[in-house]
N, C-alpha and C. Protein backbone atom coordinates (compact mmCIF):
# COMPACT_ATOMS: atom_id res chain seq x y z
N UNK A 1 0.85 -1.18 0.00
CA UNK A 1 0.00 0.00 0.00
C UNK A 1 0.89 1.24 0.00
N UNK A 2 0.55 2.19 -0.81
CA UNK A 2 1.30 3.42 -0.89
C UNK A 2 0.90 4.33 0.24
N UNK A 3 1.87 4.70 1.05
CA UNK A 3 1.57 5.57 2.19
C UNK A 3 1.66 7.02 1.77
N UNK A 4 0.70 7.80 2.23
CA UNK A 4 0.70 9.23 1.96
C UNK A 4 0.24 9.96 3.21
N UNK A 5 0.51 11.24 3.23
CA UNK A 5 0.03 12.08 4.33
C UNK A 5 -0.43 13.40 3.76
N UNK A 6 -1.51 13.89 4.31
CA UNK A 6 -1.96 15.23 3.97
C UNK A 6 -1.43 16.11 5.08
N UNK A 7 -0.55 16.99 4.74
CA UNK A 7 0.04 17.83 5.76
C UNK A 7 -0.74 19.13 5.88
N UNK A 8 -0.82 19.59 7.07
CA UNK A 8 -1.70 20.69 7.36
C UNK A 8 -1.22 22.03 6.84
N UNK A 9 -0.23 22.12 6.03
CA UNK A 9 0.10 23.41 5.37
C UNK A 9 -1.09 23.68 4.63
N UNK A 10 -0.83 22.99 4.93
CA UNK A 10 -1.55 21.98 4.36
C UNK A 10 -2.98 22.19 4.82
N UNK A 11 -3.29 23.06 5.66
CA UNK A 11 -4.59 23.65 5.96
C UNK A 11 -4.37 24.85 6.85
N UNK A 12 -3.15 25.32 6.88
CA UNK A 12 -2.82 26.46 7.75
C UNK A 12 -3.39 27.75 7.19
N UNK A 13 -3.96 28.52 8.07
CA UNK A 13 -4.42 29.85 7.68
C UNK A 13 -3.61 30.84 8.48
N UNK A 14 -2.99 31.78 7.80
CA UNK A 14 -2.23 32.79 8.50
C UNK A 14 -2.84 34.14 8.22
N UNK A 15 -2.76 34.99 9.18
CA UNK A 15 -3.28 36.34 9.00
C UNK A 15 -2.14 37.31 9.22
N UNK A 16 -1.97 38.19 8.29
CA UNK A 16 -0.97 39.23 8.39
C UNK A 16 -1.74 40.52 8.67
N UNK A 17 -1.19 41.36 9.51
CA UNK A 17 -1.90 42.55 10.00
C UNK A 17 -2.59 43.33 8.89
N UNK A 18 -1.91 43.61 7.81
CA UNK A 18 -2.51 44.45 6.77
C UNK A 18 -2.81 43.69 5.49
N UNK A 19 -2.49 42.42 5.46
CA UNK A 19 -2.71 41.65 4.24
C UNK A 19 -3.88 40.69 4.42
N UNK A 20 -4.39 40.22 3.32
CA UNK A 20 -5.46 39.23 3.37
C UNK A 20 -4.91 37.91 3.89
N UNK A 21 -5.73 37.09 4.53
CA UNK A 21 -5.26 35.81 5.03
C UNK A 21 -4.78 34.92 3.88
N UNK A 22 -3.80 34.10 4.18
CA UNK A 22 -3.26 33.16 3.20
C UNK A 22 -3.79 31.78 3.56
N UNK A 23 -4.39 31.13 2.60
CA UNK A 23 -4.88 29.77 2.81
C UNK A 23 -3.95 28.84 2.06
N UNK A 24 -3.29 27.98 2.80
CA UNK A 24 -2.40 27.02 2.17
C UNK A 24 -3.24 25.96 1.47
N UNK A 25 -2.74 25.50 0.35
CA UNK A 25 -3.41 24.43 -0.39
C UNK A 25 -3.11 23.09 0.28
N UNK A 26 -4.00 22.13 0.12
CA UNK A 26 -3.72 20.78 0.59
C UNK A 26 -2.71 20.15 -0.37
N UNK A 27 -1.72 19.50 0.21
CA UNK A 27 -0.68 18.86 -0.58
C UNK A 27 -0.46 17.46 -0.02
N UNK A 28 -0.42 16.48 -0.89
CA UNK A 28 -0.17 15.10 -0.49
C UNK A 28 1.32 14.81 -0.60
N UNK A 29 1.87 14.22 0.45
CA UNK A 29 3.28 13.83 0.45
C UNK A 29 3.32 12.32 0.54
N UNK A 30 3.90 11.69 -0.45
CA UNK A 30 4.02 10.23 -0.48
C UNK A 30 5.33 9.81 0.20
N UNK A 31 5.24 8.76 1.00
CA UNK A 31 6.43 8.29 1.69
C UNK A 31 6.51 6.77 1.78
N UNK A 32 5.61 6.08 1.10
CA UNK A 32 5.59 4.62 1.16
C UNK A 32 6.84 3.96 0.61
N UNK A 33 7.58 4.68 -0.21
CA UNK A 33 8.80 4.14 -0.80
C UNK A 33 10.03 4.38 0.08
N UNK A 34 9.84 5.03 1.22
CA UNK A 34 10.97 5.39 2.07
C UNK A 34 11.10 4.45 3.26
N UNK A 35 12.33 4.19 3.66
CA UNK A 35 12.60 3.45 4.89
C UNK A 35 12.76 4.49 5.99
N UNK A 36 11.68 4.76 6.70
CA UNK A 36 11.69 5.83 7.69
C UNK A 36 12.39 5.43 8.98
N UNK A 37 12.83 4.19 9.08
CA UNK A 37 13.64 3.78 10.22
C UNK A 37 15.09 4.20 10.01
N UNK A 38 15.43 4.61 8.80
CA UNK A 38 16.81 5.03 8.50
C UNK A 38 16.91 6.55 8.44
N UNK A 39 18.09 7.06 8.72
CA UNK A 39 18.34 8.50 8.65
C UNK A 39 18.15 9.00 7.22
N UNK A 40 18.55 8.20 6.26
CA UNK A 40 18.41 8.59 4.85
C UNK A 40 16.93 8.76 4.48
N UNK A 41 16.08 7.83 4.90
CA UNK A 41 14.65 7.91 4.62
C UNK A 41 14.01 9.10 5.30
N UNK A 42 14.41 9.37 6.53
CA UNK A 42 13.89 10.50 7.27
C UNK A 42 14.28 11.83 6.62
N UNK A 43 15.51 11.89 6.15
CA UNK A 43 15.99 13.10 5.49
C UNK A 43 15.20 13.35 4.20
N UNK A 44 14.94 12.30 3.44
CA UNK A 44 14.17 12.43 2.20
C UNK A 44 12.73 12.86 2.50
N UNK A 45 12.13 12.31 3.55
CA UNK A 45 10.77 12.73 3.91
C UNK A 45 10.77 14.21 4.29
N UNK A 46 11.75 14.63 5.03
CA UNK A 46 11.86 16.04 5.40
C UNK A 46 11.98 16.92 4.16
N UNK A 47 12.75 16.48 3.18
CA UNK A 47 12.90 17.24 1.94
C UNK A 47 11.56 17.32 1.21
N UNK A 48 10.83 16.22 1.17
CA UNK A 48 9.53 16.21 0.50
C UNK A 48 8.52 17.12 1.20
N UNK A 49 8.52 17.09 2.52
CA UNK A 49 7.61 17.94 3.28
C UNK A 49 7.98 19.41 3.07
N UNK A 50 9.25 19.71 3.04
CA UNK A 50 9.70 21.08 2.80
C UNK A 50 9.19 21.57 1.45
N UNK A 51 9.36 20.76 0.45
CA UNK A 51 8.90 21.11 -0.90
C UNK A 51 7.37 21.27 -0.93
N UNK A 52 6.66 20.38 -0.26
CA UNK A 52 5.20 20.46 -0.22
C UNK A 52 4.73 21.74 0.47
N UNK A 53 5.40 22.13 1.54
CA UNK A 53 5.02 23.36 2.24
C UNK A 53 5.24 24.57 1.34
N UNK A 54 6.31 24.55 0.56
CA UNK A 54 6.57 25.65 -0.38
C UNK A 54 5.50 25.71 -1.45
N UNK A 55 5.12 24.58 -1.97
CA UNK A 55 4.07 24.53 -3.00
C UNK A 55 2.74 24.98 -2.40
N UNK A 56 2.41 24.48 -1.22
CA UNK A 56 1.13 24.78 -0.58
C UNK A 56 0.97 26.27 -0.30
N UNK A 57 2.06 26.94 -0.04
CA UNK A 57 2.00 28.35 0.35
C UNK A 57 2.43 29.30 -0.77
N UNK A 58 2.56 28.79 -1.98
CA UNK A 58 3.03 29.61 -3.11
C UNK A 58 4.32 30.34 -2.75
N UNK A 59 5.16 29.65 -2.01
CA UNK A 59 6.43 30.22 -1.54
C UNK A 59 7.35 30.58 -2.69
N UNK A 60 7.30 29.80 -3.74
CA UNK A 60 8.19 30.03 -4.88
C UNK A 60 7.40 30.51 -6.09
N UNK A 61 6.41 31.34 -5.85
CA UNK A 61 5.62 31.89 -6.95
C UNK A 61 6.50 32.78 -7.82
N UNK A 62 5.90 33.53 -8.67
CA UNK A 62 6.60 34.30 -9.69
C UNK A 62 7.84 35.05 -9.22
N UNK A 63 7.80 35.61 -8.04
CA UNK A 63 8.93 36.40 -7.55
C UNK A 63 10.02 35.51 -6.98
N UNK A 64 11.22 35.99 -7.03
CA UNK A 64 12.32 35.25 -6.42
C UNK A 64 12.31 35.38 -4.91
N UNK A 65 11.79 36.51 -4.41
CA UNK A 65 11.73 36.73 -2.98
C UNK A 65 10.28 36.52 -2.53
N UNK A 66 10.03 35.55 -1.65
CA UNK A 66 8.66 35.28 -1.22
C UNK A 66 8.09 36.44 -0.41
N UNK A 67 6.78 36.61 -0.47
CA UNK A 67 6.12 37.64 0.31
C UNK A 67 6.16 37.26 1.79
N UNK A 68 5.90 38.25 2.62
CA UNK A 68 5.87 38.00 4.06
C UNK A 68 4.80 36.96 4.38
N UNK A 69 3.63 37.07 3.77
CA UNK A 69 2.56 36.13 4.06
C UNK A 69 2.91 34.71 3.60
N UNK A 70 3.59 34.59 2.46
CA UNK A 70 4.02 33.28 1.98
C UNK A 70 5.06 32.68 2.93
N UNK A 71 5.97 33.50 3.41
CA UNK A 71 7.00 33.03 4.35
C UNK A 71 6.36 32.58 5.66
N UNK A 72 5.38 33.35 6.14
CA UNK A 72 4.69 33.00 7.38
C UNK A 72 3.93 31.70 7.21
N UNK A 73 3.22 31.58 6.11
CA UNK A 73 2.47 30.36 5.80
C UNK A 73 3.43 29.16 5.77
N UNK A 74 4.54 29.30 5.07
CA UNK A 74 5.53 28.24 4.94
C UNK A 74 6.04 27.79 6.30
N UNK A 75 6.42 28.73 7.14
CA UNK A 75 6.96 28.39 8.46
C UNK A 75 5.90 27.71 9.34
N UNK A 76 4.67 28.18 9.26
CA UNK A 76 3.60 27.55 10.03
C UNK A 76 3.29 26.16 9.49
N UNK A 77 3.32 26.01 8.19
CA UNK A 77 3.07 24.70 7.59
C UNK A 77 4.13 23.70 8.01
N UNK A 78 5.39 24.13 7.98
CA UNK A 78 6.49 23.24 8.41
C UNK A 78 6.34 22.85 9.87
N UNK A 79 5.96 23.80 10.70
CA UNK A 79 5.80 23.52 12.12
C UNK A 79 4.67 22.51 12.34
N UNK A 80 3.55 22.69 11.66
CA UNK A 80 2.43 21.76 11.80
C UNK A 80 2.79 20.39 11.25
N UNK A 81 3.49 20.35 10.14
CA UNK A 81 3.86 19.08 9.53
C UNK A 81 4.88 18.32 10.37
N UNK A 82 5.71 19.04 11.13
CA UNK A 82 6.74 18.36 11.91
C UNK A 82 6.14 17.40 12.93
N UNK A 83 4.99 17.74 13.48
CA UNK A 83 4.32 16.85 14.43
C UNK A 83 3.87 15.58 13.72
N UNK A 84 3.29 15.73 12.53
CA UNK A 84 2.85 14.56 11.77
C UNK A 84 4.04 13.70 11.36
N UNK A 85 5.13 14.34 10.94
CA UNK A 85 6.32 13.60 10.53
C UNK A 85 6.88 12.83 11.71
N UNK A 86 6.93 13.44 12.88
CA UNK A 86 7.46 12.76 14.07
C UNK A 86 6.64 11.51 14.38
N UNK A 87 5.32 11.60 14.25
CA UNK A 87 4.47 10.45 14.51
C UNK A 87 4.70 9.35 13.48
N UNK A 88 4.80 9.73 12.22
CA UNK A 88 5.02 8.75 11.15
C UNK A 88 6.38 8.05 11.33
N UNK A 89 7.41 8.82 11.66
CA UNK A 89 8.75 8.25 11.84
C UNK A 89 8.77 7.34 13.06
N UNK A 90 8.12 7.74 14.13
CA UNK A 90 8.09 6.91 15.33
C UNK A 90 7.36 5.60 15.05
N UNK A 91 6.25 5.66 14.32
CA UNK A 91 5.54 4.43 13.94
C UNK A 91 6.45 3.51 13.13
N UNK A 92 7.21 4.08 12.21
CA UNK A 92 8.13 3.27 11.39
C UNK A 92 9.23 2.66 12.26
N UNK A 93 9.72 3.45 13.19
CA UNK A 93 10.78 2.97 14.08
C UNK A 93 10.29 1.80 14.94
N UNK A 94 9.01 1.85 15.30
CA UNK A 94 8.42 0.78 16.12
C UNK A 94 7.92 -0.39 15.29
N UNK A 95 8.14 -0.32 13.97
CA UNK A 95 7.75 -1.42 13.11
C UNK A 95 6.38 -1.30 12.49
N UNK A 96 5.76 -0.15 12.62
CA UNK A 96 4.40 0.05 12.10
C UNK A 96 4.41 0.58 10.77
């Protein structure tokens, strides 16, 4: 079975004082092909989550320099995803 996770940048809403709220898009991160009990697998999952958070928050949109709201969204998405990643990695470490 192909394992995937929907990361909450994956649903993060950020509000900037003078800007409109940013709604992150839902992004699926696949990890069924990774050995999450290994450091190499964990590093690859982290890379995939990082990329997903950037996509979800339009972090790398047209401009080379992301907007403040995109940066805030990205950082919040990464923080929320880190909890999910920790749970997934721990399950893998325990043989699940």
